[in-house]
Amino acid sequence: MGTFNHYVIVKFNDGVAVEELVQGLEKMISGIEHVKSFEWGKDIESHDMLRQGFTHAFLMTFNGKEDFNAFQNHPNHIEFSKIFSPAVDKIVVLDFPSNLVKAPA
């Protein structure tokens, strides 16, 4: 079985200290062994019409759905969600198994 991904696209509320929030997210992720990899970025290229207000994307990769489920129920994730969720204006979440077409070089 391939990897399982948790992809989150966010528009934060006005006035949110996004850098601090992301630092907290990075710290939370680093303490959970079920997360295989984590990457994030801030959109700098899309036109406002295409972006629809969303600014940040977060991608977590797991070795399988079982590890994703363990992450979802991990106490650190549950606690951090209490901080992250109120900071969000709009969110899109996609959870899916990978279909690798071209492997990284």
C-alpha atoms as a PDB file:
ATOM      1  CA  MET A   1       0.000   0.000   0.000  1.00  0.00           C
ATOM      2  CA  GLY A   2       1.236   3.506  -0.831  1.00  0.00           C
ATOM      3  CA  THR A   3       1.374   6.632   1.238  1.00  0.00           C
ATOM      4  CA  PHE A   4      -1.636   8.521   2.552  1.00  0.00           C
ATOM      5  CA  ASN A   5      -1.842  12.334   2.373  1.00  0.00           C
ATOM      6  CA  HIS A   6      -3.554  14.993   4.457  1.00  0.00           C
ATOM      7  CA  TYR A   7      -3.757  18.212   2.408  1.00  0.00           C
ATOM      8  CA  VAL A   8      -5.055  21.396   4.028  1.00  0.00           C
ATOM      9  CA  ILE A   9      -5.593  24.746   2.283  1.00  0.00           C
ATOM     10  CA  VAL A  10      -6.357  27.700   4.553  1.00  0.00           C
ATOM     11  CA  LYS A  11      -7.460  31.310   4.622  1.00  0.00           C
ATOM     12  CA  PHE A  12      -6.644  32.658   8.074  1.00  0.00           C
ATOM     13  CA  ASN A  13      -8.721  35.242   9.921  1.00  0.00           C
ATOM     14  CA  ASP A  14      -7.505  38.823   9.752  1.00  0.00           C
ATOM     15  CA  GLY A  15      -5.067  39.674  12.523  1.00  0.00           C
ATOM     16  CA  VAL A  16      -3.872  36.108  13.100  1.00  0.00           C
ATOM     17  CA  ALA A  17      -0.147  35.798  13.849  1.00  0.00           C
ATOM     18  CA  VAL A  18       0.361  33.233  11.086  1.00  0.00           C
ATOM     19  CA  GLU A  19       4.121  32.848  11.581  1.00  0.00           C
ATOM     20  CA  GLU A  20       3.633  31.919  15.243  1.00  0.00           C
ATOM     21  CA  LEU A  21       0.828  29.537  14.346  1.00  0.00           C
ATOM     22  CA  VAL A  22       2.961  27.796  11.718  1.00  0.00           C
ATOM     23  CA  GLN A  23       5.860  27.501  14.184  1.00  0.00           C
ATOM     24  CA  GLY A  24       3.474  25.824  16.616  1.00  0.00           C
ATOM     25  CA  LEU A  25       2.285  23.506  13.851  1.00  0.00           C
ATOM     26  CA  GLU A  26       5.862  22.561  12.966  1.00  0.00           C
ATOM     27  CA  LYS A  27       6.621  21.836  16.628  1.00  0.00           C
ATOM     28  CA  MET A  28       3.462  19.751  16.998  1.00  0.00           C
ATOM     29  CA  ILE A  29       4.225  17.725  13.849  1.00  0.00           C
ATOM     30  CA  SER A  30       7.844  17.083  14.861  1.00  0.00           C
ATOM     31  CA  GLY A  31       6.621  15.418  18.046  1.00  0.00           C
ATOM     32  CA  ILE A  32       4.312  12.927  16.319  1.00  0.00           C
ATOM     33  CA  GLU A  33       6.096   9.876  14.954  1.00  0.00           C
ATOM     34  CA  HIS A  34       3.194   8.859  12.686  1.00  0.00           C
ATOM     35  CA  VAL A  35       3.878  11.772  10.304  1.00  0.00           C
ATOM     36  CA  LYS A  36       6.261  10.611   7.563  1.00  0.00           C
ATOM     37  CA  SER A  37       6.783  14.098   6.085  1.00  0.00           C
ATOM     38  CA  PHE A  38       5.390  17.601   6.404  1.00  0.00           C
ATOM     39  CA  GLU A  39       5.682  20.572   4.082  1.00  0.00           C
ATOM     40  CA  TRP A  40       3.907  23.864   3.789  1.00  0.00           C
ATOM     41  CA  GLY A  41       3.966  27.039   1.774  1.00  0.00           C
ATOM     42  CA  LYS A  42       2.355  30.415   1.249  1.00  0.00           C
ATOM     43  CA  ASP A  43       0.916  31.270  -2.140  1.00  0.00           C
ATOM     44  CA  ILE A  44       2.892  34.011  -3.901  1.00  0.00           C
ATOM     45  CA  GLU A  45       1.888  33.567  -7.536  1.00  0.00           C
ATOM     46  CA  SER A  46      -1.849  33.049  -7.953  1.00  0.00           C
ATOM     47  CA  HIS A  47      -4.214  35.832  -8.930  1.00  0.00           C
ATOM     48  CA  ASP A  48      -6.705  36.838  -6.231  1.00  0.00           C
ATOM     49  CA  MET A  49      -9.575  35.491  -8.332  1.00  0.00           C
ATOM     50  CA  LEU A  50      -7.964  32.039  -8.478  1.00  0.00           C
ATOM     51  CA  ARG A  51      -6.796  32.063  -4.862  1.00  0.00           C
ATOM     52  CA  GLN A  52     -10.290  32.850  -3.514  1.00  0.00           C
ATOM     53  CA  GLY A  53      -8.725  34.177  -0.319  1.00  0.00           C
ATOM     54  CA  PHE A  54      -6.742  31.034   0.492  1.00  0.00           C
ATOM     55  CA  THR A  55      -3.113  31.761   1.302  1.00  0.00           C
ATOM     56  CA  HIS A  56      -1.440  28.715   2.867  1.00  0.00           C
ATOM     57  CA  ALA A  57      -1.190  25.025   2.009  1.00  0.00           C
ATOM     58  CA  PHE A  58      -0.045  22.241   4.311  1.00  0.00           C
ATOM     59  CA  LEU A  59       0.759  18.674   3.243  1.00  0.00           C
ATOM     60  CA  MET A  60       1.368  15.781   5.606  1.00  0.00           C
ATOM     61  CA  THR A  61       2.317  12.362   4.325  1.00  0.00           C
ATOM     62  CA  PHE A  62       1.813   9.120   6.220  1.00  0.00           C
ATOM     63  CA  ASN A  63       2.938   5.548   5.539  1.00  0.00           C
ATOM     64  CA  GLY A  64      -0.719   4.520   5.399  1.00  0.00           C
ATOM     65  CA  LYS A  65      -4.232   5.336   6.562  1.00  0.00           C
ATOM     66  CA  GLU A  66      -3.551   3.675   9.913  1.00  0.00           C
ATOM     67  CA  ASP A  67      -0.810   6.207  10.684  1.00  0.00           C
ATOM     68  CA  PHE A  68      -3.113   9.032   9.567  1.00  0.00           C
ATOM     69  CA  ASN A  69      -5.823   7.766  11.933  1.00  0.00           C
ATOM     70  CA  ALA A  70      -3.290   7.590  14.771  1.00  0.00           C
ATOM     71  CA  PHE A  71      -2.253  11.193  14.003  1.00  0.00           C
ATOM     72  CA  GLN A  72      -5.882  12.361  14.024  1.00  0.00           C
ATOM     73  CA  ASN A  73      -6.333  10.904  17.515  1.00  0.00           C
ATOM     74  CA  HIS A  74      -2.937  11.939  18.893  1.00  0.00           C
ATOM     75  CA  PRO A  75      -3.295  14.181  21.993  1.00  0.00           C
ATOM     76  CA  ASN A  76      -0.869  16.789  20.558  1.00  0.00           C
ATOM     77  CA  HIS A  77      -2.976  17.092  17.382  1.00  0.00           C
ATOM     78  CA  ILE A  78      -6.200  17.381  19.354  1.00  0.00           C
ATOM     79  CA  GLU A  79      -4.706  20.112  21.577  1.00  0.00           C
ATOM     80  CA  PHE A  80      -3.237  22.067  18.650  1.00  0.00           C
ATOM     81  CA  SER A  81      -6.557  21.925  16.810  1.00  0.00           C
ATOM     82  CA  LYS A  82      -8.037  24.019  19.629  1.00  0.00           C
ATOM     83  CA  ILE A  83      -5.584  26.798  18.667  1.00  0.00           C
ATOM     84  CA  PHE A  84      -5.557  26.303  14.888  1.00  0.00           C
ATOM     85  CA  SER A  85      -9.305  26.012  14.214  1.00  0.00           C
ATOM     86  CA  PRO A  86     -10.356  29.408  15.666  1.00  0.00           C
ATOM     87  CA  ALA A  87      -7.644  31.114  13.540  1.00  0.00           C
ATOM     88  CA  VAL A  88      -9.180  29.819  10.301  1.00  0.00           C
ATOM     89  CA  ASP A  89     -11.656  31.774   8.183  1.00  0.00           C
ATOM     90  CA  LYS A  90     -11.973  29.187   5.378  1.00  0.00           C
ATOM     91  CA  ILE A  91     -10.473  25.733   4.952  1.00  0.00           C
ATOM     92  CA  VAL A  92     -10.349  22.882   2.441  1.00  0.00           C
ATOM     93  CA  VAL A  93      -9.184  19.467   3.646  1.00  0.00           C
ATOM     94  CA  LEU A  94      -8.439  16.531   1.363  1.00  0.00           C
ATOM     95  CA  ASP A  95      -7.378  13.124   2.705  1.00  0.00           C
ATOM     96  CA  PHE A  96      -6.321  10.639   0.040  1.00  0.00           C
ATOM     97  CA  PRO A  97      -4.064   7.717  -0.820  1.00  0.00           C
ATOM     98  CA  SER A  98      -1.278   8.670  -3.217  1.00  0.00           C
ATOM     99  CA  ASN A  99      -1.144   7.626  -6.836  1.00  0.00           C
ATOM    100  CA  LEU A 100       2.512   8.252  -7.637  1.00  0.00           C
ATOM    101  CA  VAL A 101       3.029   8.954 -11.330  1.00  0.00           C
ATOM    102  CA  LYS A 102       6.609  10.269 -11.296  1.00  0.00           C
ATOM    103  CA  ALA A 103       8.956   9.686  -8.375  1.00  0.00           C
ATOM    104  CA  PRO A 104      11.225  12.479  -7.138  1.00  0.00           C
ATOM    105  CA  ALA A 105      14.662  12.440  -8.797  1.00  0.00           C
END
